[in-house]
Amino acid sequence: MTISDAQKAMASWLGALARGGVLGDSWEQAGQAVAAFVVGEEELAALRAWFAEQPPEIATRERRAAIEVCIWMAHADREVDVEETHLLRQIIGSSLLDEDTQDELVRESHEPPSLTGLEKRLTHPVLRELLLALCWELASADGRVDKTERDFYTGLARRLDVGEVRAAEIQRAIGERVG
């Protein structure tokens, strides 16, 4: 199973952000174009600058929390399909987290990790919106979005303080740009 070009591009978001927006390849360039479409270039630039200013432990915490949420989205319908597993591994592999953390996240991908304190670990509002976009793409990776995945998305948006209207806009943007 190979993931689509758009999915591969989106999977590169966390790694590119971790480098302060320095783009390593054409997939990251395409991913940044999708990210700019979702949140706007100005907001994306502010997020890049914020990541560049953070100490390594904060940047790692944010990236790890984002991946843990993606793992939860893959498990939301209680059935992790091959497409979702492949996309999760691509996201983890592109995250620029150290090897031990990546291995730990791959192990966690078999069972969803705790989301306790998520709001304190995933703090930047633009990253929260990009995470919702990534989660929606992950939910769509198997060609269908189950009611439990929609419910998880809605609850996640609420938990991350992203309004209902904005969460719906993000869904539409992903559908238009990626779909």
C-alpha atoms as a PDB file:
ATOM      1  CA  MET A   1       0.000   0.000   0.000  1.00  0.00           C
ATOM      2  CA  THR A   2       1.339   3.405  -0.893  1.00  0.00           C
ATOM      3  CA  ILE A   3      -0.070   6.622   0.407  1.00  0.00           C
ATOM      4  CA  SER A   4      -1.172   9.349  -1.954  1.00  0.00           C
ATOM      5  CA  ASP A   5       1.066  12.259  -2.882  1.00  0.00           C
ATOM      6  CA  ALA A   6      -1.116  14.611  -0.826  1.00  0.00           C
ATOM      7  CA  GLN A   7      -0.945  12.337   2.209  1.00  0.00           C
ATOM      8  CA  LYS A   8       2.830  12.027   1.904  1.00  0.00           C
ATOM      9  CA  ALA A   9       3.083  15.808   1.688  1.00  0.00           C
ATOM     10  CA  MET A  10       0.880  16.297   4.759  1.00  0.00           C
ATOM     11  CA  ALA A  11       2.858  13.688   6.696  1.00  0.00           C
ATOM     12  CA  SER A  12       5.914  15.947   6.378  1.00  0.00           C
ATOM     13  CA  TRP A  13       4.349  18.869   8.289  1.00  0.00           C
ATOM     14  CA  LEU A  14       5.749  18.106  11.730  1.00  0.00           C
ATOM     15  CA  GLY A  15       9.293  17.582  10.517  1.00  0.00           C
ATOM     16  CA  ALA A  16       9.300  20.767   8.451  1.00  0.00           C
ATOM     17  CA  LEU A  17       7.900  22.746  11.365  1.00  0.00           C
ATOM     18  CA  ALA A  18      10.521  21.253  13.665  1.00  0.00           C
ATOM     19  CA  ARG A  19      13.222  22.702  11.392  1.00  0.00           C
ATOM     20  CA  GLY A  20      11.562  26.113  11.578  1.00  0.00           C
ATOM     21  CA  GLY A  21      10.021  25.657   8.165  1.00  0.00           C
ATOM     22  CA  VAL A  22      13.233  24.752   6.344  1.00  0.00           C
ATOM     23  CA  LEU A  23      11.927  22.487   3.610  1.00  0.00           C
ATOM     24  CA  GLY A  24      13.979  19.410   2.830  1.00  0.00           C
ATOM     25  CA  ASP A  25      12.326  18.077  -0.305  1.00  0.00           C
ATOM     26  CA  SER A  26       9.460  18.447  -2.747  1.00  0.00           C
ATOM     27  CA  TRP A  27       7.079  16.544  -0.431  1.00  0.00           C
ATOM     28  CA  GLU A  28       7.683  19.082   2.316  1.00  0.00           C
ATOM     29  CA  GLN A  29       7.186  21.925  -0.158  1.00  0.00           C
ATOM     30  CA  ALA A  30       3.869  20.396  -1.234  1.00  0.00           C
ATOM     31  CA  GLY A  31       2.929  19.810   2.403  1.00  0.00           C
ATOM     32  CA  GLN A  32       3.603  23.432   3.260  1.00  0.00           C
ATOM     33  CA  ALA A  33       1.413  24.509   0.343  1.00  0.00           C
ATOM     34  CA  VAL A  34      -1.448  22.437   1.753  1.00  0.00           C
ATOM     35  CA  ALA A  35      -0.787  23.805   5.255  1.00  0.00           C
ATOM     36  CA  ALA A  36      -0.840  27.384   3.915  1.00  0.00           C
ATOM     37  CA  PHE A  37      -4.123  26.614   2.159  1.00  0.00           C
ATOM     38  CA  VAL A  38      -5.627  25.398   5.460  1.00  0.00           C
ATOM     39  CA  VAL A  39      -4.385  28.083   7.864  1.00  0.00           C
ATOM     40  CA  GLY A  40      -2.965  30.856   5.659  1.00  0.00           C
ATOM     41  CA  GLU A  41       0.646  31.740   4.905  1.00  0.00           C
ATOM     42  CA  GLU A  42       0.864  34.390   7.638  1.00  0.00           C
ATOM     43  CA  GLU A  43      -0.314  31.978  10.348  1.00  0.00           C
ATOM     44  CA  LEU A  44       2.004  29.275   9.037  1.00  0.00           C
ATOM     45  CA  ALA A  45       4.957  31.686   9.141  1.00  0.00           C
ATOM     46  CA  ALA A  46       4.082  32.594  12.740  1.00  0.00           C
ATOM     47  CA  LEU A  47       3.998  28.903  13.673  1.00  0.00           C
ATOM     48  CA  ARG A  48       7.370  28.284  11.997  1.00  0.00           C
ATOM     49  CA  ALA A  49       8.876  31.208  13.909  1.00  0.00           C
ATOM     50  CA  TRP A  50       7.355  29.966  17.173  1.00  0.00           C
ATOM     51  CA  PHE A  51       8.820  26.471  16.659  1.00  0.00           C
ATOM     52  CA  ALA A  52      12.233  27.977  15.879  1.00  0.00           C
ATOM     53  CA  GLU A  53      12.176  29.877  19.195  1.00  0.00           C
ATOM     54  CA  GLN A  54      11.220  26.897  21.362  1.00  0.00           C
ATOM     55  CA  PRO A  55      13.687  24.882  23.403  1.00  0.00           C
ATOM     56  CA  PRO A  56      14.048  21.329  22.077  1.00  0.00           C
ATOM     57  CA  GLU A  57      11.958  19.786  24.883  1.00  0.00           C
ATOM     58  CA  ILE A  58       8.960  22.028  24.069  1.00  0.00           C
ATOM     59  CA  ALA A  59       9.150  21.358  20.327  1.00  0.00           C
ATOM     60  CA  THR A  60       9.439  17.624  21.025  1.00  0.00           C
ATOM     61  CA  ARG A  61       6.482  17.724  23.429  1.00  0.00           C
ATOM     62  CA  GLU A  62       4.301  19.462  20.828  1.00  0.00           C
ATOM     63  CA  ARG A  63       5.257  17.067  18.000  1.00  0.00           C
ATOM     64  CA  ARG A  64       4.781  14.012  20.184  1.00  0.00           C
ATOM     65  CA  ALA A  65       1.352  15.199  21.364  1.00  0.00           C
ATOM     66  CA  ALA A  66       0.327  15.837  17.751  1.00  0.00           C
ATOM     67  CA  ILE A  67       1.308  12.303  16.754  1.00  0.00           C
ATOM     68  CA  GLU A  68      -0.482  10.806  19.767  1.00  0.00           C
ATOM     69  CA  VAL A  69      -3.674  12.540  18.647  1.00  0.00           C
ATOM     70  CA  CYS A  70      -3.201  11.112  15.153  1.00  0.00           C
ATOM     71  CA  ILE A  71      -2.859   7.648  16.698  1.00  0.00           C
ATOM     72  CA  TRP A  72      -6.142   8.222  18.536  1.00  0.00           C
ATOM     73  CA  MET A  73      -7.851   9.266  15.302  1.00  0.00           C
ATOM     74  CA  ALA A  74      -6.677   6.074  13.618  1.00  0.00           C
ATOM     75  CA  HIS A  75      -8.236   4.090  16.476  1.00  0.00           C
ATOM     76  CA  ALA A  76     -11.443   6.143  16.711  1.00  0.00           C
ATOM     77  CA  ASP A  77     -13.503   3.662  14.704  1.00  0.00           C
ATOM     78  CA  ARG A  78     -11.901   0.705  16.556  1.00  0.00           C
ATOM     79  CA  GLU A  79     -10.445  -0.515  13.242  1.00  0.00           C
ATOM     80  CA  VAL A  80      -7.014   0.626  12.088  1.00  0.00           C
ATOM     81  CA  ASP A  81      -6.813  -0.014   8.354  1.00  0.00           C
ATOM     82  CA  VAL A  82      -3.616  -0.595   6.397  1.00  0.00           C
ATOM     83  CA  GLU A  83      -3.911   2.883   4.849  1.00  0.00           C
ATOM     84  CA  GLU A  84      -4.155   4.510   8.278  1.00  0.00           C
ATOM     85  CA  THR A  85      -1.215   2.493   9.627  1.00  0.00           C
ATOM     86  CA  HIS A  86       0.904   3.438   6.636  1.00  0.00           C
ATOM     87  CA  LEU A  87       0.068   7.132   6.975  1.00  0.00           C
ATOM     88  CA  LEU A  88       0.765   7.038  10.734  1.00  0.00           C
ATOM     89  CA  ARG A  89       4.182   5.506  10.127  1.00  0.00           C
ATOM     90  CA  GLN A  90       4.912   8.150   7.501  1.00  0.00           C
ATOM     91  CA  ILE A  91       3.951  10.904   9.965  1.00  0.00           C
ATOM     92  CA  ILE A  92       6.116   9.372  12.708  1.00  0.00           C
ATOM     93  CA  GLY A  93       9.056   8.851  10.341  1.00  0.00           C
ATOM     94  CA  SER A  94       8.873  12.429   9.069  1.00  0.00           C
ATOM     95  CA  SER A  95       8.576  13.988  12.536  1.00  0.00           C
ATOM     96  CA  LEU A  96      12.324  14.430  13.173  1.00  0.00           C
ATOM     97  CA  LEU A  97      11.835  12.999  16.661  1.00  0.00           C
ATOM     98  CA  ASP A  98      14.725  10.906  17.941  1.00  0.00           C
ATOM     99  CA  GLU A  99      14.774   7.205  17.072  1.00  0.00           C
ATOM    100  CA  ASP A 100      13.747   6.001  20.544  1.00  0.00           C
ATOM    101  CA  THR A 101      10.718   8.315  20.577  1.00  0.00           C
ATOM    102  CA  GLN A 102       9.746   7.239  17.073  1.00  0.00           C
ATOM    103  CA  ASP A 103      10.005   3.565  18.090  1.00  0.00           C
ATOM    104  CA  GLU A 104       7.876   4.284  21.149  1.00  0.00           C
ATOM    105  CA  LEU A 105       5.230   6.015  19.018  1.00  0.00           C
ATOM    106  CA  VAL A 106       5.154   3.115  16.552  1.00  0.00           C
ATOM    107  CA  ARG A 107       4.538   0.773  19.503  1.00  0.00           C
ATOM    108  CA  GLU A 108       1.840   3.132  20.807  1.00  0.00           C
ATOM    109  CA  SER A 109       0.169   3.087  17.408  1.00  0.00           C
ATOM    110  CA  HIS A 110      -1.141  -0.401  18.232  1.00  0.00           C
ATOM    111  CA  GLU A 111      -3.109   0.963  21.204  1.00  0.00           C
ATOM    112  CA  PRO A 112      -4.042   4.614  21.611  1.00  0.00           C
ATOM    113  CA  PRO A 113      -1.924   6.506  24.175  1.00  0.00           C
ATOM    114  CA  SER A 114      -3.355   8.650  26.944  1.00  0.00           C
ATOM    115  CA  LEU A 115      -4.543  12.078  25.907  1.00  0.00           C
ATOM    116  CA  THR A 116      -4.529  13.320  29.488  1.00  0.00           C
ATOM    117  CA  GLY A 117      -3.321  16.905  29.583  1.00  0.00           C
ATOM    118  CA  LEU A 118      -3.404  17.207  25.800  1.00  0.00           C
ATOM    119  CA  GLU A 119      -4.362  20.875  26.005  1.00  0.00           C
ATOM    120  CA  LYS A 120      -1.179  21.564  27.981  1.00  0.00           C
ATOM    121  CA  ARG A 121       1.059  19.554  25.647  1.00  0.00           C
ATOM    122  CA  LEU A 122      -0.299  20.878  22.354  1.00  0.00           C
ATOM    123  CA  THR A 123      -0.422  24.604  22.904  1.00  0.00           C
ATOM    124  CA  HIS A 124      -0.024  26.574  19.680  1.00  0.00           C
ATOM    125  CA  PRO A 125      -3.409  27.459  18.097  1.00  0.00           C
ATOM    126  CA  VAL A 126      -2.153  27.109  14.502  1.00  0.00           C
ATOM    127  CA  LEU A 127      -0.589  23.727  15.258  1.00  0.00           C
ATOM    128  CA  ARG A 128      -3.932  22.696  16.752  1.00  0.00           C
ATOM    129  CA  GLU A 129      -5.676  23.607  13.495  1.00  0.00           C
ATOM    130  CA  LEU A 130      -3.085  21.802  11.381  1.00  0.00           C
ATOM    131  CA  LEU A 131      -3.480  18.791  13.636  1.00  0.00           C
ATOM    132  CA  LEU A 132      -7.224  18.794  13.017  1.00  0.00           C
ATOM    133  CA  ALA A 133      -6.495  18.862   9.275  1.00  0.00           C
ATOM    134  CA  LEU A 134      -4.056  15.978   9.616  1.00  0.00           C
ATOM    135  CA  CYS A 135      -6.534  14.006  11.726  1.00  0.00           C
ATOM    136  CA  TRP A 136      -9.283  14.535   9.173  1.00  0.00           C
ATOM    137  CA  GLU A 137      -6.984  13.299   6.412  1.00  0.00           C
ATOM    138  CA  LEU A 138      -6.052  10.313   8.564  1.00  0.00           C
ATOM    139  CA  ALA A 139      -9.730   9.515   9.133  1.00  0.00           C
ATOM    140  CA  SER A 140     -10.289   9.716   5.367  1.00  0.00           C
ATOM    141  CA  ALA A 141      -7.226   7.599   4.483  1.00  0.00           C
ATOM    142  CA  ASP A 142      -9.241   4.387   4.215  1.00  0.00           C
ATOM    143  CA  GLY A 143     -11.793   5.971   1.880  1.00  0.00           C
ATOM    144  CA  ARG A 144     -14.541   6.462   4.460  1.00  0.00           C
ATOM    145  CA  VAL A 145     -15.146   8.487   7.615  1.00  0.00           C
ATOM    146  CA  ASP A 146     -17.014   6.588  10.305  1.00  0.00           C
ATOM    147  CA  LYS A 147     -19.407   8.290  12.767  1.00  0.00           C
ATOM    148  CA  THR A 148     -16.995   7.608  15.625  1.00  0.00           C
ATOM    149  CA  GLU A 149     -14.219   9.345  13.662  1.00  0.00           C
ATOM    150  CA  ARG A 150     -16.492  12.358  13.066  1.00  0.00           C
ATOM    151  CA  ASP A 151     -17.405  12.383  16.751  1.00  0.00           C
ATOM    152  CA  PHE A 152     -13.736  12.172  17.781  1.00  0.00           C
ATOM    153  CA  TYR A 153     -12.913  15.047  15.417  1.00  0.00           C
ATOM    154  CA  THR A 154     -15.711  17.176  16.873  1.00  0.00           C
ATOM    155  CA  GLY A 155     -14.648  16.400  20.439  1.00  0.00           C
ATOM    156  CA  LEU A 156     -10.998  17.049  19.614  1.00  0.00           C
ATOM    157  CA  ALA A 157     -11.841  20.422  18.067  1.00  0.00           C
ATOM    158  CA  ARG A 158     -13.748  21.344  21.224  1.00  0.00           C
ATOM    159  CA  ARG A 159     -10.925  20.134  23.454  1.00  0.00           C
ATOM    160  CA  LEU A 160      -8.351  22.118  21.457  1.00  0.00           C
ATOM    161  CA  ASP A 161     -10.564  25.222  21.553  1.00  0.00           C
ATOM    162  CA  VAL A 162     -11.152  25.318  17.797  1.00  0.00           C
ATOM    163  CA  GLY A 163     -14.666  26.584  17.117  1.00  0.00           C
ATOM    164  CA  GLU A 164     -17.281  24.491  15.354  1.00  0.00           C
ATOM    165  CA  VAL A 165     -17.343  26.743  12.275  1.00  0.00           C
ATOM    166  CA  ARG A 166     -13.535  26.747  11.966  1.00  0.00           C
ATOM    167  CA  ALA A 167     -13.377  22.958  12.429  1.00  0.00           C
ATOM    168  CA  ALA A 168     -15.885  22.552   9.575  1.00  0.00           C
ATOM    169  CA  GLU A 169     -13.820  24.931   7.399  1.00  0.00           C
ATOM    170  CA  ILE A 170     -10.732  22.800   8.024  1.00  0.00           C
ATOM    171  CA  GLN A 171     -12.625  19.658   6.960  1.00  0.00           C
ATOM    172  CA  ARG A 172     -13.767  21.358   3.763  1.00  0.00           C
ATOM    173  CA  ALA A 173     -10.279  22.719   3.032  1.00  0.00           C
ATOM    174  CA  ILE A 174      -8.780  19.228   3.317  1.00  0.00           C
ATOM    175  CA  GLY A 175     -11.519  17.818   1.112  1.00  0.00           C
ATOM    176  CA  GLU A 176     -10.945  20.494  -1.520  1.00  0.00           C
ATOM    177  CA  ARG A 177      -7.155  20.530  -1.479  1.00  0.00           C
ATOM    178  CA  VAL A 178      -6.395  16.874  -0.885  1.00  0.00           C
ATOM    179  CA  GLY A 179      -9.490  15.041  -2.035  1.00  0.00           C
END
